[in-house]
Amino acid sequence: MNKYSPIGINGNKIEEIARKFLQQHHEVRNIEVVRFENGIWSVHAEVHSSSGYGVRNLKVDDITGKIISVE
C-alpha cells in the first residue's frame, strides 16, 4: 500500500496519530494503515483493554491529522 498522499500527511505519521489516540485507553497489539481515499486514511487496529480483545477502525483526515471516526 502506498503510504504517501500527494498533499498531506504520510501513512507513517497517520499510524503514529492513531496509535497515540488508542493508547489512551487500550494496549495496541497491531496497527495497519489500510487505505487512503478521498483525503481520508483508514486505519485498522487490534487492541486489548480491561474488557478484553477488540478491533478498532479509525478514519483520519489527511490535511489536519484529526481523527474523524472510530468504530
C-alpha atoms as a PDB file:
ATOM      1  CA  MET A   1       0.000   0.000   0.000  1.00  0.00           C
ATOM      2  CA  ASN A   2       1.223   3.468  -0.847  1.00  0.00           C
ATOM      3  CA  LYS A   3       1.755   5.274   2.450  1.00  0.00           C
ATOM      4  CA  TYR A   4       2.015   8.754   0.944  1.00  0.00           C
ATOM      5  CA  SER A   5      -0.701  11.150  -0.097  1.00  0.00           C
ATOM      6  CA  PRO A   6       0.007  13.759  -2.748  1.00  0.00           C
ATOM      7  CA  ILE A   7      -0.505  16.746  -0.414  1.00  0.00           C
ATOM      8  CA  GLY A   8      -0.973  15.808   3.236  1.00  0.00           C
ATOM      9  CA  ILE A   9       0.423  13.617   5.982  1.00  0.00           C
ATOM     10  CA  ASN A  10       2.216  10.364   5.171  1.00  0.00           C
ATOM     11  CA  GLY A  11       0.989   6.956   6.324  1.00  0.00           C
ATOM     12  CA  ASN A  12       3.706   6.577   8.947  1.00  0.00           C
ATOM     13  CA  LYS A  13       2.530   9.759  10.675  1.00  0.00           C
ATOM     14  CA  ILE A  14      -1.104   8.588  10.427  1.00  0.00           C
ATOM     15  CA  GLU A  15      -0.125   5.333  12.145  1.00  0.00           C
ATOM     16  CA  GLU A  16       1.574   7.335  14.920  1.00  0.00           C
ATOM     17  CA  ILE A  17      -1.511   9.559  15.381  1.00  0.00           C
ATOM     18  CA  ALA A  18      -3.819   6.529  15.586  1.00  0.00           C
ATOM     19  CA  ARG A  19      -1.505   4.672  17.996  1.00  0.00           C
ATOM     20  CA  LYS A  20      -1.250   7.657  20.385  1.00  0.00           C
ATOM     21  CA  PHE A  21      -5.022   8.077  20.348  1.00  0.00           C
ATOM     22  CA  LEU A  22      -5.739   4.403  21.013  1.00  0.00           C
ATOM     23  CA  GLN A  23      -3.081   4.064  23.728  1.00  0.00           C
ATOM     24  CA  GLN A  24      -5.102   6.411  25.914  1.00  0.00           C
ATOM     25  CA  HIS A  25      -7.468   3.509  26.718  1.00  0.00           C
ATOM     26  CA  HIS A  26      -6.023   0.379  25.109  1.00  0.00           C
ATOM     27  CA  GLU A  27      -2.916  -1.685  24.666  1.00  0.00           C
ATOM     28  CA  VAL A  28      -2.322  -1.593  20.914  1.00  0.00           C
ATOM     29  CA  ARG A  29      -1.311  -5.036  19.632  1.00  0.00           C
ATOM     30  CA  ASN A  30      -1.238  -4.414  15.905  1.00  0.00           C
ATOM     31  CA  ILE A  31      -1.957  -1.378  13.768  1.00  0.00           C
ATOM     32  CA  GLU A  32      -2.101  -1.017   9.997  1.00  0.00           C
ATOM     33  CA  VAL A  33      -2.870   1.825   7.630  1.00  0.00           C
ATOM     34  CA  VAL A  34      -5.100   0.052   5.123  1.00  0.00           C
ATOM     35  CA  ARG A  35      -6.326   2.679   2.676  1.00  0.00           C
ATOM     36  CA  PHE A  36      -6.143   6.271   1.511  1.00  0.00           C
ATOM     37  CA  GLU A  37      -9.173   7.524  -0.386  1.00  0.00           C
ATOM     38  CA  ASN A  38     -10.638  10.999  -0.981  1.00  0.00           C
ATOM     39  CA  GLY A  39      -8.353  12.632   1.569  1.00  0.00           C
ATOM     40  CA  ILE A  40      -9.170  10.130   4.326  1.00  0.00           C
ATOM     41  CA  TRP A  41      -6.830   7.497   5.785  1.00  0.00           C
ATOM     42  CA  SER A  42      -8.341   4.244   7.089  1.00  0.00           C
ATOM     43  CA  VAL A  43      -6.540   2.524   9.950  1.00  0.00           C
ATOM     44  CA  HIS A  44      -7.222  -0.963  11.352  1.00  0.00           C
ATOM     45  CA  ALA A  45      -6.011  -1.710  14.886  1.00  0.00           C
ATOM     46  CA  GLU A  46      -6.118  -4.736  17.164  1.00  0.00           C
ATOM     47  CA  VAL A  47      -6.360  -3.624  20.797  1.00  0.00           C
ATOM     48  CA  HIS A  48      -6.647  -5.070  24.278  1.00  0.00           C
ATOM     49  CA  SER A  49      -8.130  -3.427  27.350  1.00  0.00           C
ATOM     50  CA  SER A  50      -9.597  -4.494  30.686  1.00  0.00           C
ATOM     51  CA  SER A  51     -12.751  -5.540  28.824  1.00  0.00           C
ATOM     52  CA  GLY A  52     -10.780  -7.837  26.501  1.00  0.00           C
ATOM     53  CA  TYR A  53      -9.567  -8.039  22.923  1.00  0.00           C
ATOM     54  CA  GLY A  54     -11.104  -5.841  20.237  1.00  0.00           C
ATOM     55  CA  VAL A  55     -10.693  -4.253  16.854  1.00  0.00           C
ATOM     56  CA  ARG A  56     -10.909  -0.531  16.148  1.00  0.00           C
ATOM     57  CA  ASN A  57     -11.220   1.061  12.744  1.00  0.00           C
ATOM     58  CA  LEU A  58     -10.292   4.723  12.543  1.00  0.00           C
ATOM     59  CA  LYS A  59     -10.634   7.340   9.847  1.00  0.00           C
ATOM     60  CA  VAL A  60      -8.118  10.198   9.863  1.00  0.00           C
ATOM     61  CA  ASP A  61      -8.203  13.423   7.835  1.00  0.00           C
ATOM     62  CA  ASP A  62      -5.164  13.739   5.560  1.00  0.00           C
ATOM     63  CA  ILE A  63      -4.758  17.502   5.892  1.00  0.00           C
ATOM     64  CA  THR A  64      -5.408  18.083   9.600  1.00  0.00           C
ATOM     65  CA  GLY A  65      -4.450  14.693  11.065  1.00  0.00           C
ATOM     66  CA  LYS A  66      -7.649  14.767  13.119  1.00  0.00           C
ATOM     67  CA  ILE A  67      -9.487  11.540  13.841  1.00  0.00           C
ATOM     68  CA  ILE A  68     -12.853  11.692  12.113  1.00  0.00           C
ATOM     69  CA  SER A  69     -14.355   8.438  13.385  1.00  0.00           C
ATOM     70  CA  VAL A  70     -13.652   5.370  15.489  1.00  0.00           C
ATOM     71  CA  GLU A  71     -15.662   2.178  15.132  1.00  0.00           C
END
